[in-house]
């Protein structure tokens, strides 16, 4: 039941909270510049 994620659908308020996470999985989910994009491909 999973589908490829194109847009995380995060509202700006939630995004501003999630971006504070130090977790690399969250950084990749949000496609943050601080992580090497798609570390494993």
ModelCIF file with pLDDT and N, C-alpha, C, O atoms, coordinates in Angstrom:
data_MODEL
#
_entry.id   MODEL 
#
_entity.id                         1 
_entity.type                       polymer 
_entity.pdbx_number_of_molecules   1 
#
_entity_poly.entity_id                      1 
_entity_poly.type                           'polypeptide(L)' 
_entity_poly.nstd_linkage                   no 
_entity_poly.nstd_monomer                   no 
_entity_poly.pdbx_seq_one_letter_code       
;(UNK)(UNK)(UNK)(UNK)(UNK)(UNK)(UNK)(UNK)(UNK)(UNK)(UNK)(UNK)(UNK)(UNK)(UNK)(UNK)
(UNK)(UNK)(UNK)(UNK)(UNK)(UNK)(UNK)(UNK)(UNK)(UNK)(UNK)(UNK)(UNK)(UNK)(UNK)(UNK)
(UNK)(UNK)(UNK)(UNK)(UNK)(UNK)(UNK)(UNK)(UNK)
;
_entity_poly.pdbx_seq_one_letter_code_can   XXXXXXXXXXXXXXXXXXXXXXXXXXXXXXXXXXXXXXXXX 
_entity_poly.pdbx_strand_id                 A 
#
loop_
_entity_poly_seq.entity_id 
_entity_poly_seq.num 
_entity_poly_seq.mon_id 
_entity_poly_seq.hetero 
1 1  UNK n 
1 2  UNK n 
1 3  UNK n 
1 4  UNK n 
1 5  UNK n 
1 6  UNK n 
1 7  UNK n 
1 8  UNK n 
1 9  UNK n 
1 10 UNK n 
1 11 UNK n 
1 12 UNK n 
1 13 UNK n 
1 14 UNK n 
1 15 UNK n 
1 16 UNK n 
1 17 UNK n 
1 18 UNK n 
1 19 UNK n 
1 20 UNK n 
1 21 UNK n 
1 22 UNK n 
1 23 UNK n 
1 24 UNK n 
1 25 UNK n 
1 26 UNK n 
1 27 UNK n 
1 28 UNK n 
1 29 UNK n 
1 30 UNK n 
1 31 UNK n 
1 32 UNK n 
1 33 UNK n 
1 34 UNK n 
1 35 UNK n 
1 36 UNK n 
1 37 UNK n 
1 38 UNK n 
1 39 UNK n 
1 40 UNK n 
1 41 UNK n 
#
_struct_asym.id          A 
_struct_asym.entity_id   1 
#
loop_
_ma_qa_metric.id 
_ma_qa_metric.mode 
_ma_qa_metric.name 
_ma_qa_metric.software_group_id 
_ma_qa_metric.type 
1 global pLDDT . pLDDT 
2 local  pLDDT . pLDDT 
#
_ma_qa_metric_global.metric_id      1 
_ma_qa_metric_global.metric_value   69.20 
_ma_qa_metric_global.model_id       1 
_ma_qa_metric_global.ordinal_id     1 
#
loop_
_ma_qa_metric_local.label_asym_id 
_ma_qa_metric_local.label_comp_id 
_ma_qa_metric_local.label_seq_id 
_ma_qa_metric_local.metric_id 
_ma_qa_metric_local.metric_value 
_ma_qa_metric_local.model_id 
_ma_qa_metric_local.ordinal_id 
A UNK 1  2 96.00 1 1  
A UNK 2  2 94.00 1 2  
A UNK 3  2 92.00 1 3  
A UNK 4  2 91.00 1 4  
A UNK 5  2 83.00 1 5  
A UNK 6  2 81.00 1 6  
A UNK 7  2 72.00 1 7  
A UNK 8  2 69.00 1 8  
A UNK 9  2 70.00 1 9  
A UNK 10 2 70.00 1 10 
A UNK 11 2 68.00 1 11 
A UNK 12 2 67.00 1 12 
A UNK 13 2 72.00 1 13 
A UNK 14 2 72.00 1 14 
A UNK 15 2 67.00 1 15 
A UNK 16 2 69.00 1 16 
A UNK 17 2 76.00 1 17 
A UNK 18 2 72.00 1 18 
A UNK 19 2 71.00 1 19 
A UNK 20 2 71.00 1 20 
A UNK 21 2 74.00 1 21 
A UNK 22 2 72.00 1 22 
A UNK 23 2 72.00 1 23 
A UNK 24 2 72.00 1 24 
A UNK 25 2 71.00 1 25 
A UNK 26 2 73.00 1 26 
A UNK 27 2 70.00 1 27 
A UNK 28 2 71.00 1 28 
A UNK 29 2 71.00 1 29 
A UNK 30 2 68.00 1 30 
A UNK 31 2 67.00 1 31 
A UNK 32 2 61.00 1 32 
A UNK 33 2 55.00 1 33 
A UNK 34 2 50.00 1 34 
A UNK 35 2 50.00 1 35 
A UNK 36 2 48.00 1 36 
A UNK 37 2 48.00 1 37 
A UNK 38 2 50.00 1 38 
A UNK 39 2 52.00 1 39 
A UNK 40 2 53.00 1 40 
A UNK 41 2 66.00 1 41 
#
loop_
_atom_site.group_PDB 
_atom_site.id 
_atom_site.type_symbol 
_atom_site.label_atom_id 
_atom_site.label_alt_id 
_atom_site.label_comp_id 
_atom_site.label_asym_id 
_atom_site.label_entity_id 
_atom_site.label_seq_id 
_atom_site.pdbx_PDB_ins_code 
_atom_site.Cartn_x 
_atom_site.Cartn_y 
_atom_site.Cartn_z 
_atom_site.occupancy 
_atom_site.B_iso_or_equiv 
_atom_site.pdbx_formal_charge 
_atom_site.auth_seq_id 
_atom_site.auth_comp_id 
_atom_site.auth_asym_id 
_atom_site.auth_atom_id 
_atom_site.pdbx_PDB_model_num 
ATOM 1   N N  . UNK A 1 1  ? 0.767  -1.242 0.000  1.00 96.00 ? 1  UNK A N  1 
ATOM 2   C CA . UNK A 1 1  ? 0.000  0.000  0.000  1.00 96.00 ? 1  UNK A CA 1 
ATOM 3   C C  . UNK A 1 1  ? 0.793  1.285  0.000  1.00 96.00 ? 1  UNK A C  1 
ATOM 4   O O  . UNK A 1 1  ? 0.201  2.358  0.113  1.00 96.00 ? 1  UNK A O  1 
ATOM 5   N N  . UNK A 1 2  ? 2.107  1.226  -0.122 1.00 94.00 ? 2  UNK A N  1 
ATOM 6   C CA . UNK A 1 2  ? 2.927  2.435  -0.186 1.00 94.00 ? 2  UNK A CA 1 
ATOM 7   C C  . UNK A 1 2  ? 2.987  2.930  -1.626 1.00 94.00 ? 2  UNK A C  1 
ATOM 8   O O  . UNK A 1 2  ? 2.842  2.147  -2.564 1.00 94.00 ? 2  UNK A O  1 
ATOM 9   N N  . UNK A 1 3  ? 3.200  4.220  -1.795 1.00 92.00 ? 3  UNK A N  1 
ATOM 10  C CA . UNK A 1 3  ? 3.400  4.791  -3.124 1.00 92.00 ? 3  UNK A CA 1 
ATOM 11  C C  . UNK A 1 3  ? 4.601  5.726  -3.073 1.00 92.00 ? 3  UNK A C  1 
ATOM 12  O O  . UNK A 1 3  ? 4.990  6.214  -2.012 1.00 92.00 ? 3  UNK A O  1 
ATOM 13  N N  . UNK A 1 4  ? 5.175  5.962  -4.244 1.00 91.00 ? 4  UNK A N  1 
ATOM 14  C CA . UNK A 1 4  ? 6.337  6.845  -4.322 1.00 91.00 ? 4  UNK A CA 1 
ATOM 15  C C  . UNK A 1 4  ? 5.914  8.236  -3.870 1.00 91.00 ? 4  UNK A C  1 
ATOM 16  O O  . UNK A 1 4  ? 4.876  8.750  -4.288 1.00 91.00 ? 4  UNK A O  1 
ATOM 17  N N  . UNK A 1 5  ? 6.718  8.829  -3.023 1.00 83.00 ? 5  UNK A N  1 
ATOM 18  C CA . UNK A 1 5  ? 6.436  10.145 -2.457 1.00 83.00 ? 5  UNK A CA 1 
ATOM 19  C C  . UNK A 1 5  ? 7.009  11.221 -3.368 1.00 83.00 ? 5  UNK A C  1 
ATOM 20  O O  . UNK A 1 5  ? 8.217  11.279 -3.600 1.00 83.00 ? 5  UNK A O  1 
ATOM 21  N N  . UNK A 1 6  ? 6.142  12.057 -3.872 1.00 81.00 ? 6  UNK A N  1 
ATOM 22  C CA . UNK A 1 6  ? 6.573  13.151 -4.729 1.00 81.00 ? 6  UNK A CA 1 
ATOM 23  C C  . UNK A 1 6  ? 6.623  14.462 -3.951 1.00 81.00 ? 6  UNK A C  1 
ATOM 24  O O  . UNK A 1 6  ? 7.538  15.266 -4.130 1.00 81.00 ? 6  UNK A O  1 
ATOM 25  N N  . UNK A 1 7  ? 5.635  14.670 -3.089 1.00 72.00 ? 7  UNK A N  1 
ATOM 26  C CA . UNK A 1 7  ? 5.532  15.892 -2.287 1.00 72.00 ? 7  UNK A CA 1 
ATOM 27  C C  . UNK A 1 7  ? 5.196  15.467 -0.871 1.00 72.00 ? 7  UNK A C  1 
ATOM 28  O O  . UNK A 1 7  ? 4.174  14.813 -0.661 1.00 72.00 ? 7  UNK A O  1 
ATOM 29  N N  . UNK A 1 8  ? 6.025  15.819 0.115  1.00 69.00 ? 8  UNK A N  1 
ATOM 30  C CA . UNK A 1 8  ? 5.743  15.365 1.475  1.00 69.00 ? 8  UNK A CA 1 
ATOM 31  C C  . UNK A 1 8  ? 4.454  15.920 2.059  1.00 69.00 ? 8  UNK A C  1 
ATOM 32  O O  . UNK A 1 8  ? 3.976  15.407 3.072  1.00 69.00 ? 8  UNK A O  1 
ATOM 33  N N  . UNK A 1 9  ? 3.874  16.958 1.450  1.00 70.00 ? 9  UNK A N  1 
ATOM 34  C CA . UNK A 1 9  ? 2.596  17.475 1.924  1.00 70.00 ? 9  UNK A CA 1 
ATOM 35  C C  . UNK A 1 9  ? 2.650  18.015 3.342  1.00 70.00 ? 9  UNK A C  1 
ATOM 36  O O  . UNK A 1 9  ? 1.722  17.814 4.125  1.00 70.00 ? 9  UNK A O  1 
ATOM 37  N N  . UNK A 1 10 ? 3.715  18.687 3.667  1.00 70.00 ? 10 UNK A N  1 
ATOM 38  C CA . UNK A 1 10 ? 3.906  19.223 5.009  1.00 70.00 ? 10 UNK A CA 1 
ATOM 39  C C  . UNK A 1 10 ? 3.532  20.703 5.007  1.00 70.00 ? 10 UNK A C  1 
ATOM 40  O O  . UNK A 1 10 ? 4.051  21.475 4.200  1.00 70.00 ? 10 UNK A O  1 
ATOM 41  N N  . UNK A 1 11 ? 2.644  21.095 5.897  1.00 68.00 ? 11 UNK A N  1 
ATOM 42  C CA . UNK A 1 11 ? 2.284  22.512 5.984  1.00 68.00 ? 11 UNK A CA 1 
ATOM 43  C C  . UNK A 1 11 ? 3.464  23.298 6.543  1.00 68.00 ? 11 UNK A C  1 
ATOM 44  O O  . UNK A 1 11 ? 4.313  22.725 7.226  1.00 68.00 ? 11 UNK A O  1 
ATOM 45  N N  . UNK A 1 12 ? 3.534  24.602 6.267  1.00 67.00 ? 12 UNK A N  1 
ATOM 46  C CA . UNK A 1 12 ? 4.703  25.402 6.691  1.00 67.00 ? 12 UNK A CA 1 
ATOM 47  C C  . UNK A 1 12 ? 4.979  25.361 8.196  1.00 67.00 ? 12 UNK A C  1 
ATOM 48  O O  . UNK A 1 12 ? 6.143  25.333 8.595  1.00 67.00 ? 12 UNK A O  1 
ATOM 49  N N  . UNK A 1 13 ? 3.961  25.356 9.025  1.00 72.00 ? 13 UNK A N  1 
ATOM 50  C CA . UNK A 1 13 ? 4.173  25.311 10.468 1.00 72.00 ? 13 UNK A CA 1 
ATOM 51  C C  . UNK A 1 13 ? 4.815  24.012 10.911 1.00 72.00 ? 13 UNK A C  1 
ATOM 52  O O  . UNK A 1 13 ? 5.743  24.011 11.719 1.00 72.00 ? 13 UNK A O  1 
ATOM 53  N N  . UNK A 1 14 ? 4.316  22.906 10.379 1.00 72.00 ? 14 UNK A N  1 
ATOM 54  C CA . UNK A 1 14 ? 4.890  21.604 10.715 1.00 72.00 ? 14 UNK A CA 1 
ATOM 55  C C  . UNK A 1 14 ? 6.304  21.495 10.147 1.00 72.00 ? 14 UNK A C  1 
ATOM 56  O O  . UNK A 1 14 ? 7.205  20.981 10.810 1.00 72.00 ? 14 UNK A O  1 
ATOM 57  N N  . UNK A 1 15 ? 6.495  21.975 8.929  1.00 67.00 ? 15 UNK A N  1 
ATOM 58  C CA . UNK A 1 15 ? 7.823  21.949 8.323  1.00 67.00 ? 15 UNK A CA 1 
ATOM 59  C C  . UNK A 1 15 ? 8.841  22.659 9.212  1.00 67.00 ? 15 UNK A C  1 
ATOM 60  O O  . UNK A 1 15 ? 9.951  22.165 9.412  1.00 67.00 ? 15 UNK A O  1 
ATOM 61  N N  . UNK A 1 16 ? 8.460  23.812 9.741  1.00 69.00 ? 16 UNK A N  1 
ATOM 62  C CA . UNK A 1 16 ? 9.391  24.574 10.582 1.00 69.00 ? 16 UNK A CA 1 
ATOM 63  C C  . UNK A 1 16 ? 9.757  23.815 11.853 1.00 69.00 ? 16 UNK A C  1 
ATOM 64  O O  . UNK A 1 16 ? 10.828 24.044 12.414 1.00 69.00 ? 16 UNK A O  1 
ATOM 65  N N  . UNK A 1 17 ? 8.896  22.923 12.315 1.00 76.00 ? 17 UNK A N  1 
ATOM 66  C CA . UNK A 1 17 ? 9.215  22.072 13.465 1.00 76.00 ? 17 UNK A CA 1 
ATOM 67  C C  . UNK A 1 17 ? 10.072 20.874 13.035 1.00 76.00 ? 17 UNK A C  1 
ATOM 68  O O  . UNK A 1 17 ? 11.075 20.561 13.677 1.00 76.00 ? 17 UNK A O  1 
ATOM 69  N N  . UNK A 1 18 ? 9.673  20.211 11.954 1.00 72.00 ? 18 UNK A N  1 
ATOM 70  C CA . UNK A 1 18 ? 10.383 19.004 11.510 1.00 72.00 ? 18 UNK A CA 1 
ATOM 71  C C  . UNK A 1 18 ? 11.811 19.310 11.077 1.00 72.00 ? 18 UNK A C  1 
ATOM 72  O O  . UNK A 1 18 ? 12.704 18.481 11.256 1.00 72.00 ? 18 UNK A O  1 
ATOM 73  N N  . UNK A 1 19 ? 12.032 20.478 10.518 1.00 71.00 ? 19 UNK A N  1 
ATOM 74  C CA . UNK A 1 19 ? 13.362 20.835 10.044 1.00 71.00 ? 19 UNK A CA 1 
ATOM 75  C C  . UNK A 1 19 ? 14.362 20.922 11.201 1.00 71.00 ? 19 UNK A C  1 
ATOM 76  O O  . UNK A 1 19 ? 15.573 20.916 10.975 1.00 71.00 ? 19 UNK A O  1 
ATOM 77  N N  . UNK A 1 20 ? 13.868 21.003 12.424 1.00 71.00 ? 20 UNK A N  1 
ATOM 78  C CA . UNK A 1 20 ? 14.735 21.052 13.606 1.00 71.00 ? 20 UNK A CA 1 
ATOM 79  C C  . UNK A 1 20 ? 15.251 19.671 14.023 1.00 71.00 ? 20 UNK A C  1 
ATOM 80  O O  . UNK A 1 20 ? 16.143 19.568 14.864 1.00 71.00 ? 20 UNK A O  1 
ATOM 81  N N  . UNK A 1 21 ? 14.697 18.629 13.444 1.00 74.00 ? 21 UNK A N  1 
ATOM 82  C CA . UNK A 1 21 ? 15.131 17.276 13.779 1.00 74.00 ? 21 UNK A CA 1 
ATOM 83  C C  . UNK A 1 21 ? 16.575 17.066 13.342 1.00 74.00 ? 21 UNK A C  1 
ATOM 84  O O  . UNK A 1 21 ? 16.987 17.529 12.279 1.00 74.00 ? 21 UNK A O  1 
ATOM 85  N N  . UNK A 1 22 ? 17.337 16.364 14.174 1.00 72.00 ? 22 UNK A N  1 
ATOM 86  C CA . UNK A 1 22 ? 18.723 16.028 13.834 1.00 72.00 ? 22 UNK A CA 1 
ATOM 87  C C  . UNK A 1 22 ? 18.806 14.684 13.126 1.00 72.00 ? 22 UNK A C  1 
ATOM 88  O O  . UNK A 1 22 ? 19.894 14.244 12.756 1.00 72.00 ? 22 UNK A O  1 
ATOM 89  N N  . UNK A 1 23 ? 17.677 14.032 12.936 1.00 72.00 ? 23 UNK A N  1 
ATOM 90  C CA . UNK A 1 23 ? 17.639 12.701 12.350 1.00 72.00 ? 23 UNK A CA 1 
ATOM 91  C C  . UNK A 1 23 ? 17.853 12.777 10.839 1.00 72.00 ? 23 UNK A C  1 
ATOM 92  O O  . UNK A 1 23 ? 17.195 13.559 10.153 1.00 72.00 ? 23 UNK A O  1 
ATOM 93  N N  . UNK A 1 24 ? 18.769 11.966 10.327 1.00 72.00 ? 24 UNK A N  1 
ATOM 94  C CA . UNK A 1 24 ? 19.070 11.974 8.897  1.00 72.00 ? 24 UNK A CA 1 
ATOM 95  C C  . UNK A 1 24 ? 17.904 11.461 8.053  1.00 72.00 ? 24 UNK A C  1 
ATOM 96  O O  . UNK A 1 24 ? 17.728 11.896 6.915  1.00 72.00 ? 24 UNK A O  1 
ATOM 97  N N  . UNK A 1 25 ? 17.107 10.540 8.599  1.00 71.00 ? 25 UNK A N  1 
ATOM 98  C CA . UNK A 1 25 ? 15.930 10.076 7.871  1.00 71.00 ? 25 UNK A CA 1 
ATOM 99  C C  . UNK A 1 25 ? 14.949 11.206 7.625  1.00 71.00 ? 25 UNK A C  1 
ATOM 100 O O  . UNK A 1 25 ? 14.376 11.310 6.540  1.00 71.00 ? 25 UNK A O  1 
ATOM 101 N N  . UNK A 1 26 ? 14.752 12.054 8.626  1.00 73.00 ? 26 UNK A N  1 
ATOM 102 C CA . UNK A 1 26 ? 13.862 13.197 8.453  1.00 73.00 ? 26 UNK A CA 1 
ATOM 103 C C  . UNK A 1 26 ? 14.458 14.177 7.447  1.00 73.00 ? 26 UNK A C  1 
ATOM 104 O O  . UNK A 1 26 ? 13.734 14.737 6.623  1.00 73.00 ? 26 UNK A O  1 
ATOM 105 N N  . UNK A 1 27 ? 15.764 14.386 7.508  1.00 70.00 ? 27 UNK A N  1 
ATOM 106 C CA . UNK A 1 27 ? 16.415 15.294 6.565  1.00 70.00 ? 27 UNK A CA 1 
ATOM 107 C C  . UNK A 1 27 ? 16.211 14.820 5.131  1.00 70.00 ? 27 UNK A C  1 
ATOM 108 O O  . UNK A 1 27 ? 15.964 15.628 4.237  1.00 70.00 ? 27 UNK A O  1 
ATOM 109 N N  . UNK A 1 28 ? 16.314 13.518 4.912  1.00 71.00 ? 28 UNK A N  1 
ATOM 110 C CA . UNK A 1 28 ? 16.082 12.996 3.563  1.00 71.00 ? 28 UNK A CA 1 
ATOM 111 C C  . UNK A 1 28 ? 14.616 13.087 3.179  1.00 71.00 ? 28 UNK A C  1 
ATOM 112 O O  . UNK A 1 28 ? 14.294 13.380 2.028  1.00 71.00 ? 28 UNK A O  1 
ATOM 113 N N  . UNK A 1 29 ? 13.722 12.837 4.133  1.00 71.00 ? 29 UNK A N  1 
ATOM 114 C CA . UNK A 1 29 ? 12.287 12.946 3.860  1.00 71.00 ? 29 UNK A CA 1 
ATOM 115 C C  . UNK A 1 29 ? 11.951 14.359 3.377  1.00 71.00 ? 29 UNK A C  1 
ATOM 116 O O  . UNK A 1 29 ? 11.190 14.533 2.425  1.00 71.00 ? 29 UNK A O  1 
ATOM 117 N N  . UNK A 1 30 ? 12.528 15.363 4.043  1.00 68.00 ? 30 UNK A N  1 
ATOM 118 C CA . UNK A 1 30 ? 12.262 16.767 3.697  1.00 68.00 ? 30 UNK A CA 1 
ATOM 119 C C  . UNK A 1 30 ? 13.151 17.275 2.562  1.00 68.00 ? 30 UNK A C  1 
ATOM 120 O O  . UNK A 1 30 ? 12.997 18.410 2.112  1.00 68.00 ? 30 UNK A O  1 
ATOM 121 N N  . UNK A 1 31 ? 14.081 16.433 2.099  1.00 67.00 ? 31 UNK A N  1 
ATOM 122 C CA . UNK A 1 31 ? 15.042 16.791 1.060  1.00 67.00 ? 31 UNK A CA 1 
ATOM 123 C C  . UNK A 1 31 ? 15.833 18.040 1.435  1.00 67.00 ? 31 UNK A C  1 
ATOM 124 O O  . UNK A 1 31 ? 15.962 18.970 0.639  1.00 67.00 ? 31 UNK A O  1 
ATOM 125 N N  . UNK A 1 32 ? 16.356 18.048 2.650  1.00 61.00 ? 32 UNK A N  1 
ATOM 126 C CA . UNK A 1 32 ? 17.128 19.189 3.128  1.00 61.00 ? 32 UNK A CA 1 
ATOM 127 C C  . UNK A 1 32 ? 18.512 19.219 2.490  1.00 61.00 ? 32 UNK A C  1 
ATOM 128 O O  . UNK A 1 32 ? 19.116 18.177 2.239  1.00 61.00 ? 32 UNK A O  1 
ATOM 129 N N  . UNK A 1 33 ? 18.995 20.408 2.237  1.00 55.00 ? 33 UNK A N  1 
ATOM 130 C CA . UNK A 1 33 ? 20.293 20.575 1.592  1.00 55.00 ? 33 UNK A CA 1 
ATOM 131 C C  . UNK A 1 33 ? 21.432 20.088 2.473  1.00 55.00 ? 33 UNK A C  1 
ATOM 132 O O  . UNK A 1 33 ? 22.508 19.782 1.960  1.00 55.00 ? 33 UNK A O  1 
ATOM 133 N N  . UNK A 1 34 ? 21.227 20.006 3.797  1.00 50.00 ? 34 UNK A N  1 
ATOM 134 C CA . UNK A 1 34 ? 22.318 19.613 4.695  1.00 50.00 ? 34 UNK A CA 1 
ATOM 135 C C  . UNK A 1 34 ? 22.697 18.140 4.568  1.00 50.00 ? 34 UNK A C  1 
ATOM 136 O O  . UNK A 1 34 ? 23.734 17.725 5.085  1.00 50.00 ? 34 UNK A O  1 
ATOM 137 N N  . UNK A 1 35 ? 21.880 17.355 3.895  1.00 50.00 ? 35 UNK A N  1 
ATOM 138 C CA . UNK A 1 35 ? 22.238 15.951 3.682  1.00 50.00 ? 35 UNK A CA 1 
ATOM 139 C C  . UNK A 1 35 ? 22.584 15.748 2.217  1.00 50.00 ? 35 UNK A C  1 
ATOM 140 O O  . UNK A 1 35 ? 22.043 16.409 1.331  1.00 50.00 ? 35 UNK A O  1 
ATOM 141 N N  . UNK A 1 36 ? 23.480 14.838 1.993  1.00 48.00 ? 36 UNK A N  1 
ATOM 142 C CA . UNK A 1 36 ? 23.752 14.452 0.619  1.00 48.00 ? 36 UNK A CA 1 
ATOM 143 C C  . UNK A 1 36 ? 22.487 13.763 0.128  1.00 48.00 ? 36 UNK A C  1 
ATOM 144 O O  . UNK A 1 36 ? 22.075 12.741 0.677  1.00 48.00 ? 36 UNK A O  1 
ATOM 145 N N  . UNK A 1 37 ? 21.894 14.311 -0.877 1.00 48.00 ? 37 UNK A N  1 
ATOM 146 C CA . UNK A 1 37 ? 20.608 13.797 -1.314 1.00 48.00 ? 37 UNK A CA 1 
ATOM 147 C C  . UNK A 1 37 ? 20.679 12.312 -1.646 1.00 48.00 ? 37 UNK A C  1 
ATOM 148 O O  . UNK A 1 37 ? 21.575 11.835 -2.342 1.00 48.00 ? 37 UNK A O  1 
ATOM 149 N N  . UNK A 1 38 ? 19.700 11.619 -1.118 1.00 50.00 ? 38 UNK A N  1 
ATOM 150 C CA . UNK A 1 38 ? 19.539 10.199 -1.395 1.00 50.00 ? 38 UNK A CA 1 
ATOM 151 C C  . UNK A 1 38 ? 20.850 9.444  -1.227 1.00 50.00 ? 38 UNK A C  1 
ATOM 152 O O  . UNK A 1 38 ? 21.401 8.891  -2.179 1.00 50.00 ? 38 UNK A O  1 
ATOM 153 N N  . UNK A 1 39 ? 21.325 9.437  -0.011 1.00 52.00 ? 39 UNK A N  1 
ATOM 154 C CA . UNK A 1 39 ? 22.618 8.862  0.334  1.00 52.00 ? 39 UNK A CA 1 
ATOM 155 C C  . UNK A 1 39 ? 22.824 7.488  -0.298 1.00 52.00 ? 39 UNK A C  1 
ATOM 156 O O  . UNK A 1 39 ? 23.905 7.203  -0.813 1.00 52.00 ? 39 UNK A O  1 
ATOM 157 N N  . UNK A 1 40 ? 21.816 6.646  -0.265 1.00 53.00 ? 40 UNK A N  1 
ATOM 158 C CA . UNK A 1 40 ? 21.956 5.294  -0.808 1.00 53.00 ? 40 UNK A CA 1 
ATOM 159 C C  . UNK A 1 40 ? 21.394 5.159  -2.216 1.00 53.00 ? 40 UNK A C  1 
ATOM 160 O O  . UNK A 1 40 ? 21.611 4.136  -2.866 1.00 53.00 ? 40 UNK A O  1 
ATOM 161 N N  . UNK A 1 41 ? 20.684 6.160  -2.697 1.00 66.00 ? 41 UNK A N  1 
ATOM 162 C CA . UNK A 1 41 ? 20.047 6.051  -4.001 1.00 66.00 ? 41 UNK A CA 1 
ATOM 163 C C  . UNK A 1 41 ? 18.710 5.356  -3.927 1.00 66.00 ? 41 UNK A C  1 
ATOM 164 O O  . UNK A 1 41 ? 18.045 5.186  -4.949 1.00 66.00 ? 41 UNK A O  1 
#
